[in-house]
PDB file of all heavy atoms in Angstrom:
ATOM      1  N   THR A   1      80.266  70.020 100.819  1.00  0.00           N
ATOM      2  CA  THR A   1      78.950  69.371 100.882  1.00  0.00           C
ATOM      3  C   THR A   1      78.558  69.066 102.319  1.00  0.00           C
ATOM      4  O   THR A   1      77.403  69.282 102.727  1.00  0.00           O
ATOM      5  CB  THR A   1      78.962  68.079 100.048  1.00  0.00           C
ATOM      6  OG1 THR A   1      79.279  68.395  98.685  1.00  0.00           O
ATOM      7  CG2 THR A   1      77.616  67.378 100.102  1.00  0.00           C
ATOM      8  N   ALA A   2      79.523  68.577 103.115  1.00  0.00           N
ATOM      9  CA  ALA A   2      79.237  68.244 104.513  1.00  0.00           C
ATOM     10  C   ALA A   2      78.856  69.484 105.306  1.00  0.00           C
ATOM     11  O   ALA A   2      77.898  69.468 106.089  1.00  0.00           O
ATOM     12  CB  ALA A   2      80.453  67.556 105.143  1.00  0.00           C
ATOM     13  N   ILE A   3      79.588  70.576 105.114  1.00  0.00           N
ATOM     14  CA  ILE A   3      79.264  71.817 105.830  1.00  0.00           C
ATOM     15  C   ILE A   3      77.922  72.359 105.370  1.00  0.00           C
ATOM     16  O   ILE A   3      77.102  72.807 106.174  1.00  0.00           O
ATOM     17  CB  ILE A   3      80.379  72.856 105.636  1.00  0.00           C
ATOM     18  CG1 ILE A   3      81.694  72.365 106.251  1.00  0.00           C
ATOM     19  CG2 ILE A   3      79.981  74.201 106.261  1.00  0.00           C
ATOM     20  CD1 ILE A   3      82.903  73.232 105.934  1.00  0.00           C
ATOM     21  N   LEU A   4      77.682  72.315 104.067  1.00  0.00           N
ATOM     22  CA  LEU A   4      76.426  72.815 103.512  1.00  0.00           C
ATOM     23  C   LEU A   4      75.230  72.099 104.128  1.00  0.00           C
ATOM     24  O   LEU A   4      74.210  72.730 104.451  1.00  0.00           O
ATOM     25  CB  LEU A   4      76.437  72.629 101.994  1.00  0.00           C
ATOM     26  CG  LEU A   4      75.292  73.226 101.185  1.00  0.00           C
ATOM     27  CD1 LEU A   4      75.333  74.751 101.241  1.00  0.00           C
ATOM     28  CD2 LEU A   4      75.369  72.756  99.734  1.00  0.00           C
ATOM     29  N   ARG A   5      75.341  70.813 104.345  1.00  0.00           N
ATOM     30  CA  ARG A   5      74.224  70.021 104.872  1.00  0.00           C
ATOM     31  C   ARG A   5      73.871  70.393 106.313  1.00  0.00           C
ATOM     32  O   ARG A   5      72.753  70.136 106.761  1.00  0.00           O
ATOM     33  CB  ARG A   5      74.541  68.529 104.798  1.00  0.00           C
ATOM     34  CG  ARG A   5      74.589  67.956 103.395  1.00  0.00           C
ATOM     35  CD  ARG A   5      74.713  66.440 103.442  1.00  0.00           C
ATOM     36  NE  ARG A   5      73.476  65.829 103.939  1.00  0.00           N
ATOM     37  CZ  ARG A   5      73.418  64.605 104.452  1.00  0.00           C
ATOM     38  NH1 ARG A   5      74.520  63.876 104.591  1.00  0.00           N
ATOM     39  NH2 ARG A   5      72.258  64.112 104.879  1.00  0.00           N
ATOM     40  N   THR A   6      74.809  70.999 107.040  1.00  0.00           N
ATOM     41  CA  THR A   6      74.511  71.365 108.430  1.00  0.00           C
ATOM     42  C   THR A   6      73.629  72.607 108.530  1.00  0.00           C
ATOM     43  O   THR A   6      73.042  72.854 109.577  1.00  0.00           O
ATOM     44  CB  THR A   6      75.803  71.630 109.226  1.00  0.00           C
ATOM     45  OG1 THR A   6      76.437  72.827 108.741  1.00  0.00           O
ATOM     46  CG2 THR A   6      76.765  70.448 109.134  1.00  0.00           C
ATOM     47  N   ASP A   7      73.588  73.406 107.471  1.00  0.00           N
ATOM     48  CA  ASP A   7      72.785  74.637 107.460  1.00  0.00           C
ATOM     49  C   ASP A   7      73.158  75.553 108.625  1.00  0.00           C
ATOM     50  O   ASP A   7      72.295  76.127 109.286  1.00  0.00           O
ATOM     51  CB  ASP A   7      71.293  74.289 107.513  1.00  0.00           C
ATOM     52  CG  ASP A   7      70.395  75.470 107.147  1.00  0.00           C
ATOM     53  OD1 ASP A   7      70.849  76.337 106.379  1.00  0.00           O
ATOM     54  OD2 ASP A   7      69.256  75.528 107.652  1.00  0.00           O
ATOM     55  N   THR A   8      74.466  75.693 108.852  1.00  0.00           N
ATOM     56  CA  THR A   8      74.932  76.524 109.963  1.00  0.00           C
ATOM     57  C   THR A   8      75.695  77.753 109.482  1.00  0.00           C
ATOM     58  O   THR A   8      75.411  78.867 109.918  1.00  0.00           O
ATOM     59  CB  THR A   8      75.840  75.707 110.899  1.00  0.00           C
ATOM     60  OG1 THR A   8      76.905  75.100 110.135  1.00  0.00           O
ATOM     61  CG2 THR A   8      75.055  74.625 111.627  1.00  0.00           C
ATOM     62  N   VAL A   9      76.667  77.559 108.619  1.00  0.00           N
ATOM     63  CA  VAL A   9      77.486  78.655 108.119  1.00  0.00           C
ATOM     64  C   VAL A   9      77.577  78.501 106.605  1.00  0.00           C
ATOM     65  O   VAL A   9      77.663  77.383 106.080  1.00  0.00           O
ATOM     66  CB  VAL A   9      78.880  78.662 108.781  1.00  0.00           C
ATOM     67  CG1 VAL A   9      79.629  77.367 108.551  1.00  0.00           C
ATOM     68  CG2 VAL A   9      79.710  79.861 108.302  1.00  0.00           C
ATOM     69  N   ARG A  10      77.543  79.613 105.904  1.00  0.00           N
ATOM     70  CA  ARG A  10      77.487  79.554 104.446  1.00  0.00           C
ATOM     71  C   ARG A  10      78.825  79.147 103.841  1.00  0.00           C
ATOM     72  O   ARG A  10      79.891  79.620 104.265  1.00  0.00           O
ATOM     73  CB  ARG A  10      77.071  80.914 103.886  1.00  0.00           C
ATOM     74  CG  ARG A  10      76.857  80.884 102.367  1.00  0.00           C
ATOM     75  CD  ARG A  10      76.406  82.206 101.825  1.00  0.00           C
ATOM     76  NE  ARG A  10      76.240  82.130 100.381  1.00  0.00           N
ATOM     77  CZ  ARG A  10      76.010  83.190  99.605  1.00  0.00           C
ATOM     78  NH1 ARG A  10      75.895  84.398 100.149  1.00  0.00           N
ATOM     79  NH2 ARG A  10      75.884  83.053  98.292  1.00  0.00           N
ATOM     80  N   VAL A  11      78.741  78.276 102.853  1.00  0.00           N
ATOM     81  CA  VAL A  11      79.877  77.941 101.992  1.00  0.00           C
ATOM     82  C   VAL A  11      79.403  78.037 100.549  1.00  0.00           C
ATOM     83  O   VAL A  11      78.198  77.900 100.278  1.00  0.00           O
ATOM     84  CB  VAL A  11      80.418  76.517 102.264  1.00  0.00           C
ATOM     85  CG1 VAL A  11      81.029  76.407 103.651  1.00  0.00           C
ATOM     86  CG2 VAL A  11      79.330  75.457 102.073  1.00  0.00           C
ATOM     87  N   PRO A  12      80.292  78.256  99.595  1.00  0.00           N
ATOM     88  CA  PRO A  12      79.882  78.198  98.190  1.00  0.00           C
ATOM     89  C   PRO A  12      79.390  76.782  97.867  1.00  0.00           C
ATOM     90  O   PRO A  12      80.017  75.795  98.246  1.00  0.00           O
ATOM     91  CB  PRO A  12      81.169  78.524  97.418  1.00  0.00           C
ATOM     92  CG  PRO A  12      82.051  79.213  98.417  1.00  0.00           C
ATOM     93  CD  PRO A  12      81.714  78.608  99.742  1.00  0.00           C
ATOM     94  N   LYS A  13      78.276  76.684  97.191  1.00  0.00           N
ATOM     95  CA  LYS A  13      77.724  75.373  96.848  1.00  0.00           C
ATOM     96  C   LYS A  13      78.594  74.703  95.791  1.00  0.00           C
ATOM     97  O   LYS A  13      78.805  75.248  94.710  1.00  0.00           O
ATOM     98  CB  LYS A  13      76.296  75.527  96.328  1.00  0.00           C
ATOM     99  CG  LYS A  13      75.620  74.206  96.019  1.00  0.00           C
ATOM    100  CD  LYS A  13      74.192  74.413  95.539  1.00  0.00           C
ATOM    101  CE  LYS A  13      73.514  73.085  95.224  1.00  0.00           C
ATOM    102  NZ  LYS A  13      72.113  73.285  94.752  1.00  0.00           N
ATOM    103  N   PRO A  14      79.121  73.510  96.098  1.00  0.00           N
ATOM    104  CA  PRO A  14      79.942  72.816  95.096  1.00  0.00           C
ATOM    105  C   PRO A  14      79.061  72.201  94.021  1.00  0.00           C
ATOM    106  O   PRO A  14      77.947  71.744  94.300  1.00  0.00           O
ATOM    107  CB  PRO A  14      80.651  71.747  95.922  1.00  0.00           C
ATOM    108  CG  PRO A  14      79.700  71.437  97.037  1.00  0.00           C
ATOM    109  CD  PRO A  14      79.007  72.741  97.352  1.00  0.00           C
ATOM    110  N   ILE A  15      79.569  72.179  92.795  1.00  0.00           N
ATOM    111  CA  ILE A  15      78.775  71.670  91.670  1.00  0.00           C
ATOM    112  C   ILE A  15      79.385  70.396  91.094  1.00  0.00           C
ATOM    113  O   ILE A  15      78.728  69.366  91.020  1.00  0.00           O
ATOM    114  CB  ILE A  15      78.633  72.749  90.581  1.00  0.00           C
ATOM    115  CG1 ILE A  15      77.896  73.973  91.161  1.00  0.00           C
ATOM    116  CG2 ILE A  15      77.897  72.204  89.353  1.00  0.00           C
ATOM    117  CD1 ILE A  15      77.874  75.181  90.238  1.00  0.00           C
ATOM    118  N   LYS A  16      80.648  70.442  90.721  1.00  0.00           N
ATOM    119  CA  LYS A  16      81.241  69.271  90.087  1.00  0.00           C
ATOM    120  C   LYS A  16      82.754  69.408  90.020  1.00  0.00           C
ATOM    121  O   LYS A  16      83.276  70.511  89.895  1.00  0.00           O
ATOM    122  CB  LYS A  16      80.677  69.104  88.666  1.00  0.00           C
ATOM    123  CG  LYS A  16      81.047  67.792  87.996  1.00  0.00           C
ATOM    124  CD  LYS A  16      80.333  67.646  86.654  1.00  0.00           C
ATOM    125  CE  LYS A  16      80.646  66.296  86.027  1.00  0.00           C
ATOM    126  NZ  LYS A  16      79.944  66.114  84.724  1.00  0.00           N
ATOM    127  N   VAL A  17      83.452  68.279  90.119  1.00  0.00           N
ATOM    128  CA  VAL A  17      84.884  68.229  89.859  1.00  0.00           C
ATOM    129  C   VAL A  17      85.078  67.823  88.405  1.00  0.00           C
ATOM    130  O   VAL A  17      84.545  66.797  87.957  1.00  0.00           O
ATOM    131  CB  VAL A  17      85.602  67.227  90.798  1.00  0.00           C
ATOM    132  CG1 VAL A  17      87.084  67.138  90.435  1.00  0.00           C
ATOM    133  CG2 VAL A  17      85.432  67.649  92.257  1.00  0.00           C
ATOM    134  N   LEU A  18      85.822  68.626  87.666  1.00  0.00           N
ATOM    135  CA  LEU A  18      86.051  68.374  86.249  1.00  0.00           C
ATOM    136  C   LEU A  18      87.500  67.982  86.005  1.00  0.00           C
ATOM    137  O   LEU A  18      88.415  68.536  86.626  1.00  0.00           O
ATOM    138  CB  LEU A  18      85.740  69.631  85.432  1.00  0.00           C
ATOM    139  CG  LEU A  18      84.308  70.174  85.486  1.00  0.00           C
ATOM    140  CD1 LEU A  18      84.225  71.472  84.676  1.00  0.00           C
ATOM    141  CD2 LEU A  18      83.327  69.153  84.944  1.00  0.00           C
ATOM    142  N   ASP A  19      87.703  67.050  85.109  1.00  0.00           N
ATOM    143  CA  ASP A  19      89.049  66.739  84.646  1.00  0.00           C
ATOM    144  C   ASP A  19      89.495  67.830  83.687  1.00  0.00           C
ATOM    145  O   ASP A  19      88.718  68.296  82.848  1.00  0.00           O
ATOM    146  CB  ASP A  19      89.073  65.386  83.937  1.00  0.00           C
ATOM    147  CG  ASP A  19      88.793  64.233  84.891  1.00  0.00           C
ATOM    148  OD1 ASP A  19      89.151  64.354  86.078  1.00  0.00           O
ATOM    149  OD2 ASP A  19      88.209  63.222  84.447  1.00  0.00           O
ATOM    150  N   ALA A  20      90.747  68.239  83.825  1.00  0.00           N
ATOM    151  CA  ALA A  20      91.297  69.297  82.976  1.00  0.00           C
ATOM    152  C   ALA A  20      92.477  68.750  82.184  1.00  0.00           C
ATOM    153  O   ALA A  20      93.038  67.696  82.527  1.00  0.00           O
ATOM    154  CB  ALA A  20      91.724  70.491  83.833  1.00  0.00           C
ATOM    155  N   PRO A  21      92.868  69.448  81.138  1.00  0.00           N
ATOM    156  CA  PRO A  21      94.000  68.970  80.324  1.00  0.00           C
ATOM    157  C   PRO A  21      95.268  68.794  81.148  1.00  0.00           C
ATOM    158  O   PRO A  21      95.494  69.511  82.126  1.00  0.00           O
ATOM    159  CB  PRO A  21      94.165  70.083  79.273  1.00  0.00           C
ATOM    160  CG  PRO A  21      92.823  70.736  79.189  1.00  0.00           C
ATOM    161  CD  PRO A  21      92.258  70.661  80.573  1.00  0.00           C
ATOM    162  N   GLY A  22      96.070  67.843  80.739  1.00  0.00           N
ATOM    163  CA  GLY A  22      97.345  67.612  81.403  1.00  0.00           C
ATOM    164  C   GLY A  22      97.241  66.837  82.698  1.00  0.00           C
ATOM    165  O   GLY A  22      98.173  66.825  83.504  1.00  0.00           O
ATOM    166  N   GLY A  23      96.108  66.206  82.928  1.00  0.00           N
ATOM    167  CA  GLY A  23      95.946  65.415  84.136  1.00  0.00           C
ATOM    168  C   GLY A  23      95.538  66.203  85.362  1.00  0.00           C
ATOM    169  O   GLY A  23      95.461  65.653  86.463  1.00  0.00           O
ATOM    170  N   SER A  24      95.270  67.489  85.221  1.00  0.00           N
ATOM    171  CA  SER A  24      94.843  68.308  86.345  1.00  0.00           C
ATOM    172  C   SER A  24      93.321  68.254  86.461  1.00  0.00           C
ATOM    173  O   SER A  24      92.638  67.550  85.713  1.00  0.00           O
ATOM    174  CB  SER A  24      95.319  69.748  86.174  1.00  0.00           C
ATOM    175  OG  SER A  24      94.795  70.307  84.986  1.00  0.00           O
ATOM    176  N   SER A  25      92.789  68.986  87.418  1.00  0.00           N
ATOM    177  CA  SER A  25      91.341  69.005  87.615  1.00  0.00           C
ATOM    178  C   SER A  25      90.917  70.376  88.105  1.00  0.00           C
ATOM    179  O   SER A  25      91.752  71.209  88.473  1.00  0.00           O
ATOM    180  CB  SER A  25      90.911  67.923  88.614  1.00  0.00           C
ATOM    181  OG  SER A  25      91.535  68.117  89.866  1.00  0.00           O
ATOM    182  N   ALA A  26      89.622  70.599  88.133  1.00  0.00           N
ATOM    183  CA  ALA A  26      89.068  71.879  88.579  1.00  0.00           C
ATOM    184  C   ALA A  26      87.770  71.610  89.330  1.00  0.00           C
ATOM    185  O   ALA A  26      87.034  70.670  89.018  1.00  0.00           O
ATOM    186  CB  ALA A  26      88.817  72.798  87.392  1.00  0.00           C
ATOM    187  N   LEU A  27      87.508  72.432  90.343  1.00  0.00           N
ATOM    188  CA  LEU A  27      86.272  72.341  91.104  1.00  0.00           C
ATOM    189  C   LEU A  27      85.358  73.498  90.700  1.00  0.00           C
ATOM    190  O   LEU A  27      85.734  74.669  90.838  1.00  0.00           O
ATOM    191  CB  LEU A  27      86.562  72.397  92.609  1.00  0.00           C
ATOM    192  CG  LEU A  27      85.347  72.465  93.544  1.00  0.00           C
ATOM    193  CD1 LEU A  27      84.439  71.255  93.358  1.00  0.00           C
ATOM    194  CD2 LEU A  27      85.807  72.579  94.998  1.00  0.00           C
ATOM    195  N   VAL A  28      84.188  73.165  90.189  1.00  0.00           N
ATOM    196  CA  VAL A  28      83.194  74.166  89.822  1.00  0.00           C
ATOM    197  C   VAL A  28      82.265  74.359  91.015  1.00  0.00           C
ATOM    198  O   VAL A  28      81.756  73.382  91.584  1.00  0.00           O
ATOM    199  CB  VAL A  28      82.390  73.721  88.592  1.00  0.00           C
ATOM    200  CG1 VAL A  28      81.362  74.795  88.206  1.00  0.00           C
ATOM    201  CG2 VAL A  28      83.317  73.418  87.425  1.00  0.00           C
ATOM    202  N   MET A  29      82.067  75.603  91.412  1.00  0.00           N
ATOM    203  CA  MET A  29      81.190  75.881  92.547  1.00  0.00           C
ATOM    204  C   MET A  29      80.436  77.185  92.305  1.00  0.00           C
ATOM    205  O   MET A  29      80.732  77.939  91.369  1.00  0.00           O
ATOM    206  CB  MET A  29      81.992  75.946  93.847  1.00  0.00           C
ATOM    207  CG  MET A  29      82.934  77.119  93.973  1.00  0.00           C
ATOM    208  SD  MET A  29      83.925  77.067  95.493  1.00  0.00           S
ATOM    209  CE  MET A  29      85.232  75.944  94.991  1.00  0.00           C
ATOM    210  N   GLU A  30      79.483  77.427  93.166  1.00  0.00           N
ATOM    211  CA  GLU A  30      78.692  78.652  93.120  1.00  0.00           C
ATOM    212  C   GLU A  30      79.588  79.888  93.187  1.00  0.00           C
ATOM    213  O   GLU A  30      80.546  79.933  93.973  1.00  0.00           O
ATOM    214  CB  GLU A  30      77.734  78.642  94.319  1.00  0.00           C
ATOM    215  CG  GLU A  30      76.994  79.928  94.577  1.00  0.00           C
ATOM    216  CD  GLU A  30      76.313  79.948  95.932  1.00  0.00           C
ATOM    217  OE1 GLU A  30      76.614  79.070  96.773  1.00  0.00           O
ATOM    218  OE2 GLU A  30      75.483  80.847  96.153  1.00  0.00           O
ATOM    219  N   HIS A  31      79.272  80.889  92.388  1.00  0.00           N
ATOM    220  CA  HIS A  31      79.974  82.169  92.478  1.00  0.00           C
ATOM    221  C   HIS A  31      79.381  82.990  93.621  1.00  0.00           C
ATOM    222  O   HIS A  31      78.152  83.153  93.724  1.00  0.00           O
ATOM    223  CB  HIS A  31      79.848  82.963  91.184  1.00  0.00           C
ATOM    224  CG  HIS A  31      80.342  84.366  91.306  1.00  0.00           C
ATOM    225  ND1 HIS A  31      81.684  84.680  91.368  1.00  0.00           N
ATOM    226  CD2 HIS A  31      79.674  85.552  91.417  1.00  0.00           C
ATOM    227  CE1 HIS A  31      81.823  85.992  91.499  1.00  0.00           C
ATOM    228  NE2 HIS A  31      80.616  86.542  91.536  1.00  0.00           N
ATOM    229  N   VAL A  32      80.237  83.501  94.496  1.00  0.00           N
ATOM    230  CA  VAL A  32      79.815  84.362  95.591  1.00  0.00           C
ATOM    231  C   VAL A  32      80.629  85.648  95.500  1.00  0.00           C
ATOM    232  O   VAL A  32      81.864  85.604  95.454  1.00  0.00           O
ATOM    233  CB  VAL A  32      80.035  83.691  96.970  1.00  0.00           C
ATOM    234  CG1 VAL A  32      79.570  84.628  98.092  1.00  0.00           C
ATOM    235  CG2 VAL A  32      79.298  82.362  97.047  1.00  0.00           C
ATOM    236  N   ASP A  33      79.958  86.765  95.473  1.00  0.00           N
ATOM    237  CA  ASP A  33      80.628  88.066  95.392  1.00  0.00           C
ATOM    238  C   ASP A  33      81.080  88.466  96.799  1.00  0.00           C
ATOM    239  O   ASP A  33      80.339  89.097  97.548  1.00  0.00           O
ATOM    240  CB  ASP A  33      79.668  89.103  94.805  1.00  0.00           C
ATOM    241  CG  ASP A  33      80.356  90.437  94.530  1.00  0.00           C
ATOM    242  OD1 ASP A  33      81.605  90.482  94.554  1.00  0.00           O
ATOM    243  OD2 ASP A  33      79.647  91.437  94.307  1.00  0.00           O
ATOM    244  N   MET A  34      82.303  88.093  97.152  1.00  0.00           N
ATOM    245  CA  MET A  34      82.779  88.218  98.530  1.00  0.00           C
ATOM    246  C   MET A  34      83.711  89.399  98.709  1.00  0.00           C
ATOM    247  O   MET A  34      84.335  89.880  97.765  1.00  0.00           O
ATOM    248  CB  MET A  34      83.522  86.936  98.947  1.00  0.00           C
ATOM    249  CG  MET A  34      82.682  85.686  98.883  1.00  0.00           C
ATOM    250  SD  MET A  34      83.574  84.207  99.444  1.00  0.00           S
ATOM    251  CE  MET A  34      84.851  84.064  98.183  1.00  0.00           C
ATOM    252  N   ARG A  35      83.801  89.829  99.957  1.00  0.00           N
ATOM    253  CA  ARG A  35      84.774  90.837 100.369  1.00  0.00           C
ATOM    254  C   ARG A  35      85.382  90.374 101.694  1.00  0.00           C
ATOM    255  O   ARG A  35      84.922  89.403 102.288  1.00  0.00           O
ATOM    256  CB  ARG A  35      84.096  92.199 100.536  1.00  0.00           C
ATOM    257  CG  ARG A  35      82.921  92.202 101.520  1.00  0.00           C
ATOM    258  CD  ARG A  35      82.288  93.581 101.644  1.00  0.00           C
ATOM    259  NE  ARG A  35      81.172  93.574 102.592  1.00  0.00           N
ATOM    260  CZ  ARG A  35      79.910  93.411 102.242  1.00  0.00           C
ATOM    261  NH1 ARG A  35      79.590  93.214 100.965  1.00  0.00           N
ATOM    262  NH2 ARG A  35      78.951  93.424 103.161  1.00  0.00           N
ATOM    263  N   ALA A  36      86.394  91.077 102.160  1.00  0.00           N
ATOM    264  CA  ALA A  36      87.068  90.684 103.405  1.00  0.00           C
ATOM    265  C   ALA A  36      86.096  90.705 104.581  1.00  0.00           C
ATOM    266  O   ALA A  36      85.213  91.570 104.661  1.00  0.00           O
ATOM    267  CB  ALA A  36      88.244  91.618 103.680  1.00  0.00           C
ATOM    268  N   LEU A  37      86.285  89.757 105.506  1.00  0.00           N
ATOM    269  CA  LEU A  37      85.441  89.700 106.698  1.00  0.00           C
ATOM    270  C   LEU A  37      85.591  90.981 107.506  1.00  0.00           C
ATOM    271  O   LEU A  37      86.693  91.414 107.811  1.00  0.00           O
ATOM    272  CB  LEU A  37      85.842  88.498 107.554  1.00  0.00           C
ATOM    273  CG  LEU A  37      85.004  88.265 108.812  1.00  0.00           C
ATOM    274  CD1 LEU A  37      83.587  87.839 108.445  1.00  0.00           C
ATOM    275  CD2 LEU A  37      85.674  87.211 109.693  1.00  0.00           C
ATOM    276  N   ASP A  38      84.465  91.572 107.887  1.00  0.00           N
ATOM    277  CA  ASP A  38      84.502  92.822 108.636  1.00  0.00           C
ATOM    278  C   ASP A  38      83.306  92.908 109.575  1.00  0.00           C
ATOM    279  O   ASP A  38      83.374  92.527 110.734  1.00  0.00           O
ATOM    280  CB  ASP A  38      84.535  94.003 107.652  1.00  0.00           C
ATOM    281  CG  ASP A  38      84.639  95.352 108.354  1.00  0.00           C
ATOM    282  OD1 ASP A  38      85.046  95.382 109.536  1.00  0.00           O
ATOM    283  OD2 ASP A  38      84.320  96.386 107.723  1.00  0.00           O
ATOM    284  N   SER A  39      82.177  93.360 109.056  1.00  0.00           N
ATOM    285  CA  SER A  39      81.016  93.622 109.904  1.00  0.00           C
ATOM    286  C   SER A  39      80.325  92.351 110.385  1.00  0.00           C
ATOM    287  O   SER A  39      79.521  92.396 111.317  1.00  0.00           O
ATOM    288  CB  SER A  39      80.005  94.498 109.149  1.00  0.00           C
ATOM    289  OG  SER A  39      79.571  93.876 107.963  1.00  0.00           O
TER     290      SER A  39
END
């Protein structure tokens, strides 16, 4: 969220932290179809 607010370099937009079974959690964020850094 902090990086996103700077409008400088792209990050996947975070949506929500969800509680998962067994006391774990998951971060839901924007899907980005990425490939290795090159060009």
